[in-house]
Amino acid sequence: MIEIKFEPNRSAAYDGEKLIGHCDFEIDQNIWVANHTFVEKEYAGQGIAKKLLQCVVKNAAMQNAKIKPVCSYVVREFDKNPELYAAVKL
């Protein structure tokens, strides 16, 4: 079972003990710069990247932070679904 965890400067996906993906960000004051999303090839197509992003978005919202999308995946998701990310997008 895949578990998504929020960790310092990233959300991470684990299959048991194995790290299989992450969505990284740097914090600049109250702005989270989403700069990298990665999922292992064998786990592609399962929606894990989206779950990782949603975890970051949820935690940014709880901390009243804004997200600056830099990672190509995050940029695409923010552009495709602006209504989902309007509260946190910089």
PDB file of N, CA and C in Angstrom:
ATOM      1  N   MET A   1       0.836  -1.186   0.000  1.00  0.00           N
ATOM      2  CA  MET A   1       0.000   0.000   0.000  1.00  0.00           C
ATOM      3  C   MET A   1       0.882   1.250   0.000  1.00  0.00           C
ATOM      4  N   ILE A   2       0.566   2.188  -0.866  1.00  0.00           N
ATOM      5  CA  ILE A   2       1.341   3.420  -0.989  1.00  0.00           C
ATOM      6  C   ILE A   2       0.885   4.403   0.090  1.00  0.00           C
ATOM      7  N   GLU A   3       1.855   4.967   0.798  1.00  0.00           N
ATOM      8  CA  GLU A   3       1.564   5.946   1.845  1.00  0.00           C
ATOM      9  C   GLU A   3       2.229   7.269   1.486  1.00  0.00           C
ATOM     10  N   ILE A   4       1.477   8.354   1.600  1.00  0.00           N
ATOM     11  CA  ILE A   4       1.994   9.699   1.341  1.00  0.00           C
ATOM     12  C   ILE A   4       2.219  10.371   2.682  1.00  0.00           C
ATOM     13  N   LYS A   5       3.436  10.896   2.869  1.00  0.00           N
ATOM     14  CA  LYS A   5       3.776  11.566   4.130  1.00  0.00           C
ATOM     15  C   LYS A   5       4.281  12.977   3.835  1.00  0.00           C
ATOM     16  N   PHE A   6       3.953  13.909   4.728  1.00  0.00           N
ATOM     17  CA  PHE A   6       4.496  15.256   4.635  1.00  0.00           C
ATOM     18  C   PHE A   6       5.737  15.306   5.507  1.00  0.00           C
ATOM     19  N   GLU A   7       6.851  15.712   4.915  1.00  0.00           N
ATOM     20  CA  GLU A   7       8.137  15.770   5.594  1.00  0.00           C
ATOM     21  C   GLU A   7       8.728  17.165   5.394  1.00  0.00           C
ATOM     22  N   PRO A   8       9.778  17.505   6.110  1.00  0.00           N
ATOM     23  CA  PRO A   8      10.386  18.823   5.892  1.00  0.00           C
ATOM     24  C   PRO A   8      10.766  19.034   4.424  1.00  0.00           C
ATOM     25  N   ASN A   9      10.243  20.076   3.829  1.00  0.00           N
ATOM     26  CA  ASN A   9      10.529  20.499   2.456  1.00  0.00           C
ATOM     27  C   ASN A   9      10.126  19.505   1.369  1.00  0.00           C
ATOM     28  N   ARG A  10       9.195  18.596   1.687  1.00  0.00           N
ATOM     29  CA  ARG A  10       8.707  17.704   0.642  1.00  0.00           C
ATOM     30  C   ARG A  10       7.513  16.889   1.142  1.00  0.00           C
ATOM     31  N   SER A  11       6.810  16.339   0.171  1.00  0.00           N
ATOM     32  CA  SER A  11       5.900  15.231   0.463  1.00  0.00           C
ATOM     33  C   SER A  11       6.579  14.013  -0.151  1.00  0.00           C
ATOM     34  N   ALA A  12       6.380  12.874   0.479  1.00  0.00           N
ATOM     35  CA  ALA A  12       7.077  11.671   0.028  1.00  0.00           C
ATOM     36  C   ALA A  12       6.107  10.502  -0.048  1.00  0.00           C
ATOM     37  N   ALA A  13       6.304   9.649  -1.045  1.00  0.00           N
ATOM     38  CA  ALA A  13       5.493   8.450  -1.219  1.00  0.00           C
ATOM     39  C   ALA A  13       6.349   7.233  -0.880  1.00  0.00           C
ATOM     40  N   TYR A  14       5.780   6.354  -0.079  1.00  0.00           N
ATOM     41  CA  TYR A  14       6.472   5.143   0.335  1.00  0.00           C
ATOM     42  C   TYR A  14       5.637   3.920   0.003  1.00  0.00           C
ATOM     43  N   ASP A  15       6.319   2.887  -0.472  1.00  0.00           N
ATOM     44  CA  ASP A  15       5.729   1.565  -0.620  1.00  0.00           C
ATOM     45  C   ASP A  15       6.414   0.723   0.445  1.00  0.00           C
ATOM     46  N   GLY A  16       5.761   0.584   1.584  1.00  0.00           N
ATOM     47  CA  GLY A  16       6.420  -0.021   2.734  1.00  0.00           C
ATOM     48  C   GLY A  16       7.498   0.939   3.220  1.00  0.00           C
ATOM     49  N   GLU A  17       8.722   0.469   3.259  1.00  0.00           N
ATOM     50  CA  GLU A  17       9.856   1.303   3.680  1.00  0.00           C
ATOM     51  C   GLU A  17      10.535   2.007   2.502  1.00  0.00           C
ATOM     52  N   LYS A  18      10.172   1.619   1.283  1.00  0.00           N
ATOM     53  CA  LYS A  18      10.852   2.118   0.087  1.00  0.00           C
ATOM     54  C   LYS A  18      10.288   3.470  -0.365  1.00  0.00           C
ATOM     55  N   LEU A  19      11.171   4.464  -0.486  1.00  0.00           N
ATOM     56  CA  LEU A  19      10.799   5.762  -1.026  1.00  0.00           C
ATOM     57  C   LEU A  19      10.622   5.610  -2.532  1.00  0.00           C
ATOM     58  N   ILE A  20       9.411   5.930  -3.026  1.00  0.00           N
ATOM     59  CA  ILE A  20       9.140   5.738  -4.458  1.00  0.00           C
ATOM     60  C   ILE A  20       8.834   7.041  -5.186  1.00  0.00           C
ATOM     61  N   GLY A  21       8.717   8.134  -4.448  1.00  0.00           N
ATOM     62  CA  GLY A  21       8.450   9.415  -5.093  1.00  0.00           C
ATOM     63  C   GLY A  21       8.480  10.546  -4.098  1.00  0.00           C
ATOM     64  N   HIS A  22       8.614  11.769  -4.633  1.00  0.00           N
ATOM     65  CA  HIS A  22       8.611  12.938  -3.764  1.00  0.00           C
ATOM     66  C   HIS A  22       8.281  14.189  -4.561  1.00  0.00           C
ATOM     67  N   CYS A  23       7.748  15.177  -3.866  1.00  0.00           N
ATOM     68  CA  CYS A  23       7.476  16.498  -4.424  1.00  0.00           C
ATOM     69  C   CYS A  23       8.184  17.487  -3.504  1.00  0.00           C
ATOM     70  N   ASP A  24       9.261  18.075  -4.007  1.00  0.00           N
ATOM     71  CA  ASP A  24      10.137  18.918  -3.197  1.00  0.00           C
ATOM     72  C   ASP A  24       9.815  20.397  -3.349  1.00  0.00           C
ATOM     73  N   PHE A  25      10.084  21.138  -2.286  1.00  0.00           N
ATOM     74  CA  PHE A  25       9.927  22.588  -2.341  1.00  0.00           C
ATOM     75  C   PHE A  25      10.930  23.244  -1.407  1.00  0.00           C
ATOM     76  N   GLU A  26      11.279  24.481  -1.735  1.00  0.00           N
ATOM     77  CA  GLU A  26      12.119  25.314  -0.875  1.00  0.00           C
ATOM     78  C   GLU A  26      11.229  26.401  -0.305  1.00  0.00           C
ATOM     79  N   ILE A  27      11.528  26.825   0.900  1.00  0.00           N
ATOM     80  CA  ILE A  27      10.724  27.865   1.531  1.00  0.00           C
ATOM     81  C   ILE A  27      11.497  29.180   1.497  1.00  0.00           C
ATOM     82  N   ASP A  28      10.851  30.207   0.945  1.00  0.00           N
ATOM     83  CA  ASP A  28      11.398  31.559   0.911  1.00  0.00           C
ATOM     84  C   ASP A  28      10.355  32.462   1.554  1.00  0.00           C
ATOM     85  N   GLN A  29      10.551  32.763   2.824  1.00  0.00           N
ATOM     86  CA  GLN A  29       9.580  33.468   3.651  1.00  0.00           C
ATOM     87  C   GLN A  29       8.308  32.637   3.704  1.00  0.00           C
ATOM     88  N   ASN A  30       7.205  33.133   3.179  1.00  0.00           N
ATOM     89  CA  ASN A  30       5.955  32.373   3.226  1.00  0.00           C
ATOM     90  C   ASN A  30       5.590  31.831   1.846  1.00  0.00           C
ATOM     91  N   ILE A  31       6.602  31.662   0.996  1.00  0.00           N
ATOM     92  CA  ILE A  31       6.409  31.134  -0.354  1.00  0.00           C
ATOM     93  C   ILE A  31       7.129  29.797  -0.457  1.00  0.00           C
ATOM     94  N   TRP A  32       6.384  28.790  -0.888  1.00  0.00           N
ATOM     95  CA  TRP A  32       6.961  27.471  -1.106  1.00  0.00           C
ATOM     96  C   TRP A  32       7.218  27.329  -2.595  1.00  0.00           C
ATOM     97  N   VAL A  33       8.475  27.204  -2.969  1.00  0.00           N
ATOM     98  CA  VAL A  33       8.869  27.088  -4.373  1.00  0.00           C
ATOM     99  C   VAL A  33       8.918  25.598  -4.721  1.00  0.00           C
ATOM    100  N   ALA A  34       7.888  25.132  -5.417  1.00  0.00           N
ATOM    101  CA  ALA A  34       7.795  23.716  -5.800  1.00  0.00           C
ATOM    102  C   ALA A  34       8.722  23.493  -6.990  1.00  0.00           C
ATOM    103  N   ASN A  35       9.855  22.811  -6.738  1.00  0.00           N
ATOM    104  CA  ASN A  35      10.894  22.754  -7.753  1.00  0.00           C
ATOM    105  C   ASN A  35      11.199  21.376  -8.322  1.00  0.00           C
ATOM    106  N   HIS A  36      10.584  20.310  -7.777  1.00  0.00           N
ATOM    107  CA  HIS A  36      10.899  18.980  -8.330  1.00  0.00           C
ATOM    108  C   HIS A  36       9.860  17.966  -7.878  1.00  0.00           C
ATOM    109  N   THR A  37       9.366  17.185  -8.822  1.00  0.00           N
ATOM    110  CA  THR A  37       8.467  16.067  -8.518  1.00  0.00           C
ATOM    111  C   THR A  37       9.004  14.842  -9.241  1.00  0.00           C
ATOM    112  N   PHE A  38       9.039  13.721  -8.535  1.00  0.00           N
ATOM    113  CA  PHE A  38       9.601  12.500  -9.095  1.00  0.00           C
ATOM    114  C   PHE A  38       8.828  11.293  -8.578  1.00  0.00           C
ATOM    115  N   VAL A  39       8.559  10.343  -9.469  1.00  0.00           N
ATOM    116  CA  VAL A  39       7.978   9.050  -9.104  1.00  0.00           C
ATOM    117  C   VAL A  39       8.750   7.977  -9.866  1.00  0.00           C
ATOM    118  N   GLU A  40       9.136   6.919  -9.153  1.00  0.00           N
ATOM    119  CA  GLU A  40       9.844   5.805  -9.787  1.00  0.00           C
ATOM    120  C   GLU A  40       9.018   5.261 -10.961  1.00  0.00           C
ATOM    121  N   LYS A  41       9.719   4.880 -12.046  1.00  0.00           N
ATOM    122  CA  LYS A  41       9.066   4.411 -13.275  1.00  0.00           C
ATOM    123  C   LYS A  41       8.045   3.309 -13.049  1.00  0.00           C
ATOM    124  N   GLU A  42       8.385   2.355 -12.212  1.00  0.00           N
ATOM    125  CA  GLU A  42       7.478   1.214 -12.036  1.00  0.00           C
ATOM    126  C   GLU A  42       6.177   1.587 -11.312  1.00  0.00           C
ATOM    127  N   TYR A  43       6.103   2.812 -10.790  1.00  0.00           N
ATOM    128  CA  TYR A  43       4.887   3.279 -10.118  1.00  0.00           C
ATOM    129  C   TYR A  43       4.144   4.340 -10.941  1.00  0.00           C
ATOM    130  N   ALA A  44       4.605   4.573 -12.146  1.00  0.00           N
ATOM    131  CA  ALA A  44       3.984   5.583 -13.007  1.00  0.00           C
ATOM    132  C   ALA A  44       2.542   5.206 -13.339  1.00  0.00           C
ATOM    133  N   GLY A  45       1.726   6.218 -13.598  1.00  0.00           N
ATOM    134  CA  GLY A  45       0.348   5.997 -14.018  1.00  0.00           C
ATOM    135  C   GLY A  45      -0.627   5.673 -12.900  1.00  0.00           C
ATOM    136  N   GLN A  46      -0.194   5.799 -11.653  1.00  0.00           N
ATOM    137  CA  GLN A  46      -1.061   5.481 -10.516  1.00  0.00           C
ATOM    138  C   GLN A  46      -1.568   6.731  -9.797  1.00  0.00           C
ATOM    139  N   GLY A  47      -1.247   7.911 -10.324  1.00  0.00           N
ATOM    140  CA  GLY A  47      -1.709   9.144  -9.691  1.00  0.00           C
ATOM    141  C   GLY A  47      -0.900   9.558  -8.474  1.00  0.00           C
ATOM    142  N   ILE A  48       0.270   8.983  -8.317  1.00  0.00           N
ATOM    143  CA  ILE A  48       1.085   9.273  -7.134  1.00  0.00           C
ATOM    144  C   ILE A  48       1.595  10.709  -7.155  1.00  0.00           C
ATOM    145  N   ALA A  49       2.043  11.195  -8.303  1.00  0.00           N
ATOM    146  CA  ALA A  49       2.543  12.577  -8.388  1.00  0.00           C
ATOM    147  C   ALA A  49       1.454  13.562  -7.965  1.00  0.00           C
ATOM    148  N   LYS A  50       0.237  13.316  -8.395  1.00  0.00           N
ATOM    149  CA  LYS A  50      -0.870  14.211  -8.033  1.00  0.00           C
ATOM    150  C   LYS A  50      -1.129  14.167  -6.527  1.00  0.00           C
ATOM    151  N   LYS A  51      -1.066  12.988  -5.943  1.00  0.00           N
ATOM    152  CA  LYS A  51      -1.256  12.860  -4.490  1.00  0.00           C
ATOM    153  C   LYS A  51      -0.143  13.572  -3.735  1.00  0.00           C
ATOM    154  N   LEU A  52       1.074  13.487  -4.260  1.00  0.00           N
ATOM    155  CA  LEU A  52       2.190  14.200  -3.633  1.00  0.00           C
ATOM    156  C   LEU A  52       1.956  15.704  -3.673  1.00  0.00           C
ATOM    157  N   LEU A  53       1.530  16.209  -4.827  1.00  0.00           N
ATOM    158  CA  LEU A  53       1.247  17.632  -4.957  1.00  0.00           C
ATOM    159  C   LEU A  53       0.101  18.039  -4.038  1.00  0.00           C
ATOM    160  N   GLN A  54      -0.948  17.250  -3.991  1.00  0.00           N
ATOM    161  CA  GLN A  54      -2.086  17.574  -3.127  1.00  0.00           C
ATOM    162  C   GLN A  54      -1.674  17.643  -1.661  1.00  0.00           C
ATOM    163  N   CYS A  55      -0.757  16.801  -1.261  1.00  0.00           N
ATOM    164  CA  CYS A  55      -0.243  16.823   0.111  1.00  0.00           C
ATOM    165  C   CYS A  55       0.480  18.145   0.386  1.00  0.00           C
ATOM    166  N   VAL A  56       1.308  18.590  -0.550  1.00  0.00           N
ATOM    167  CA  VAL A  56       2.010  19.865  -0.392  1.00  0.00           C
ATOM    168  C   VAL A  56       1.008  21.010  -0.352  1.00  0.00           C
ATOM    169  N   VAL A  57       0.030  20.989  -1.245  1.00  0.00           N
ATOM    170  CA  VAL A  57      -0.984  22.047  -1.314  1.00  0.00           C
ATOM    171  C   VAL A  57      -1.766  22.121  -0.006  1.00  0.00           C
ATOM    172  N   LYS A  58      -2.178  20.969   0.498  1.00  0.00           N
ATOM    173  CA  LYS A  58      -2.942  20.925   1.746  1.00  0.00           C
ATOM    174  C   LYS A  58      -2.143  21.543   2.893  1.00  0.00           C
ATOM    175  N   ASN A  59      -0.884  21.193   2.996  1.00  0.00           N
ATOM    176  CA  ASN A  59      -0.058  21.699   4.088  1.00  0.00           C
ATOM    177  C   ASN A  59       0.281  23.176   3.908  1.00  0.00           C
ATOM    178  N   ALA A  60       0.467  23.616   2.673  1.00  0.00           N
ATOM    179  CA  ALA A  60       0.696  25.044   2.423  1.00  0.00           C
ATOM    180  C   ALA A  60      -0.530  25.844   2.841  1.00  0.00           C
ATOM    181  N   ALA A  61      -1.699  25.358   2.490  1.00  0.00           N
ATOM    182  CA  ALA A  61      -2.939  26.049   2.847  1.00  0.00           C
ATOM    183  C   ALA A  61      -3.095  26.138   4.365  1.00  0.00           C
ATOM    184  N   MET A  62      -2.767  25.062   5.058  1.00  0.00           N
ATOM    185  CA  MET A  62      -2.886  25.056   6.524  1.00  0.00           C
ATOM    186  C   MET A  62      -1.931  26.066   7.163  1.00  0.00           C
ATOM    187  N   GLN A  63      -0.823  26.359   6.481  1.00  0.00           N
ATOM    188  CA  GLN A  63       0.164  27.299   7.014  1.00  0.00           C
ATOM    189  C   GLN A  63       0.048  28.674   6.360  1.00  0.00           C
ATOM    190  N   ASN A  64      -1.030  28.888   5.600  1.00  0.00           N
ATOM    191  CA  ASN A  64      -1.258  30.162   4.900  1.00  0.00           C
ATOM    192  C   ASN A  64      -0.071  30.561   4.025  1.00  0.00           C
ATOM    193  N   ALA A  65       0.535  29.566   3.402  1.00  0.00           N
ATOM    194  CA  ALA A  65       1.663  29.810   2.496  1.00  0.00           C
ATOM    195  C   ALA A  65       1.159  29.794   1.054  1.00  0.00           C
ATOM    196  N   LYS A  66       1.930  30.404   0.181  1.00  0.00           N
ATOM    197  CA  LYS A  66       1.644  30.372  -1.254  1.00  0.00           C
ATOM    198  C   LYS A  66       2.658  29.458  -1.913  1.00  0.00           C
ATOM    199  N   ILE A  67       2.268  28.882  -3.048  1.00  0.00           N
ATOM    200  CA  ILE A  67       3.156  27.990  -3.789  1.00  0.00           C
ATOM    201  C   ILE A  67       3.511  28.637  -5.118  1.00  0.00           C
ATOM    202  N   LYS A  68       4.805  28.716  -5.367  1.00  0.00           N
ATOM    203  CA  LYS A  68       5.300  29.175  -6.666  1.00  0.00           C
ATOM    204  C   LYS A  68       5.663  27.929  -7.465  1.00  0.00           C
ATOM    205  N   PRO A  69       4.917  27.628  -8.535  1.00  0.00           N
ATOM    206  CA  PRO A  69       5.203  26.427  -9.317  1.00  0.00           C
ATOM    207  C   PRO A  69       6.402  26.643 -10.243  1.00  0.00           C
ATOM    208  N   VAL A  70       7.433  25.845 -10.053  1.00  0.00           N
ATOM    209  CA  VAL A  70       8.622  25.888 -10.906  1.00  0.00           C
ATOM    210  C   VAL A  70       8.792  24.541 -11.615  1.00  0.00           C
ATOM    211  N   CYS A  71       8.565  23.472 -10.903  1.00  0.00           N
ATOM    212  CA  CYS A  71       8.624  22.120 -11.458  1.00  0.00           C
ATOM    213  C   CYS A  71       7.623  22.006 -12.608  1.00  0.00           C
ATOM    214  N   SER A  72       8.021  21.411 -13.708  1.00  0.00           N
ATOM    215  CA  SER A  72       7.141  21.327 -14.883  1.00  0.00           C
ATOM    216  C   SER A  72       5.835  20.603 -14.571  1.00  0.00           C
ATOM    217  N   TYR A  73       5.876  19.575 -13.745  1.00  0.00           N
ATOM    218  CA  TYR A  73       4.649  18.863 -13.389  1.00  0.00           C
ATOM    219  C   TYR A  73       3.702  19.779 -12.616  1.00  0.00           C
ATOM    220  N   VAL A  74       4.221  20.499 -11.646  1.00  0.00           N
ATOM    221  CA  VAL A  74       3.387  21.394 -10.834  1.00  0.00           C
ATOM    222  C   VAL A  74       2.824  22.524 -11.694  1.00  0.00           C
ATOM    223  N   VAL A  75       3.629  23.072 -12.588  1.00  0.00           N
ATOM    224  CA  VAL A  75       3.152  24.120 -13.501  1.00  0.00           C
ATOM    225  C   VAL A  75       1.978  23.596 -14.315  1.00  0.00           C
ATOM    226  N   ARG A  76       2.111  22.397 -14.896  1.00  0.00           N
ATOM    227  CA  ARG A  76       1.035  21.796 -15.699  1.00  0.00           C
ATOM    228  C   ARG A  76      -0.234  21.591 -14.876  1.00  0.00           C
ATOM    229  N   GLU A  77      -0.090  21.049 -13.685  1.00  0.00           N
ATOM    230  CA  GLU A  77      -1.251  20.795 -12.830  1.00  0.00           C
ATOM    231  C   GLU A  77      -1.948  22.094 -12.447  1.00  0.00           C
ATOM    232  N   PHE A  78      -1.180  23.121 -12.098  1.00  0.00           N
ATOM    233  CA  PHE A  78      -1.764  24.414 -11.744  1.00  0.00           C
ATOM    234  C   PHE A  78      -2.491  25.015 -12.941  1.00  0.00           C
ATOM    235  N   ASP A  79      -1.923  24.857 -14.142  1.00  0.00           N
ATOM    236  CA  ASP A  79      -2.555  25.396 -15.355  1.00  0.00           C
ATOM    237  C   ASP A  79      -3.812  24.611 -15.735  1.00  0.00           C
ATOM    238  N   LYS A  80      -3.786  23.275 -15.578  1.00  0.00           N
ATOM    239  CA  LYS A  80      -4.926  22.429 -15.953  1.00  0.00           C
ATOM    240  C   LYS A  80      -6.101  22.570 -14.990  1.00  0.00           C
ATOM    241  N   ASN A  81      -5.810  22.814 -13.720  1.00  0.00           N
ATOM    242  CA  ASN A  81      -6.844  22.831 -12.681  1.00  0.00           C
ATOM    243  C   ASN A  81      -6.736  24.076 -11.808  1.00  0.00           C
ATOM    244  N   PRO A  82      -6.854  25.255 -12.388  1.00  0.00           N
ATOM    245  CA  PRO A  82      -6.643  26.478 -11.607  1.00  0.00           C
ATOM    246  C   PRO A  82      -7.568  26.602 -10.398  1.00  0.00           C
ATOM    247  N   GLU A  83      -8.795  26.084 -10.509  1.00  0.00           N
ATOM    248  CA  GLU A  83      -9.736  26.197  -9.401  1.00  0.00           C
ATOM    249  C   GLU A  83      -9.290  25.399  -8.176  1.00  0.00           C
ATOM    250  N   LEU A  84      -8.576  24.298  -8.393  1.00  0.00           N
ATOM    251  CA  LEU A  84      -8.093  23.489  -7.272  1.00  0.00           C
ATOM    252  C   LEU A  84      -6.975  24.159  -6.500  1.00  0.00           C
ATOM    253  N   TYR A  85      -6.223  25.009  -7.180  1.00  0.00           N
ATOM    254  CA  TYR A  85      -5.019  25.554  -6.590  1.00  0.00           C
ATOM    255  C   TYR A  85      -5.076  27.069  -6.373  1.00  0.00           C
ATOM    256  N   ALA A  86      -6.203  27.674  -6.647  1.00  0.00           N
ATOM    257  CA  ALA A  86      -6.327  29.132  -6.575  1.00  0.00           C
ATOM    258  C   ALA A  86      -5.951  29.687  -5.205  1.00  0.00           C
ATOM    259  N   ALA A  87      -6.273  28.990  -4.150  1.00  0.00           N
ATOM    260  CA  ALA A  87      -6.023  29.493  -2.794  1.00  0.00           C
ATOM    261  C   ALA A  87      -4.531  29.547  -2.451  1.00  0.00           C
ATOM    262  N   VAL A  88      -3.721  28.726  -3.114  1.00  0.00           N
ATOM    263  CA  VAL A  88      -2.309  28.663  -2.743  1.00  0.00           C
ATOM    264  C   VAL A  88      -1.351  29.140  -3.843  1.00  0.00           C
ATOM    265  N   LYS A  89      -1.831  29.292  -5.068  1.00  0.00           N
ATOM    266  CA  LYS A  89      -0.936  29.660  -6.171  1.00  0.00           C
ATOM    267  C   LYS A  89      -0.467  31.096  -6.036  1.00  0.00           C
ATOM    268  N   LEU A  90       0.822  31.270  -6.217  1.00  0.00           N
ATOM    269  CA  LEU A  90       1.422  32.615  -6.184  1.00  0.00           C
ATOM    270  C   LEU A  90       1.247  33.266  -7.538  1.00  0.00           C
TER     271      LEU A  90
END
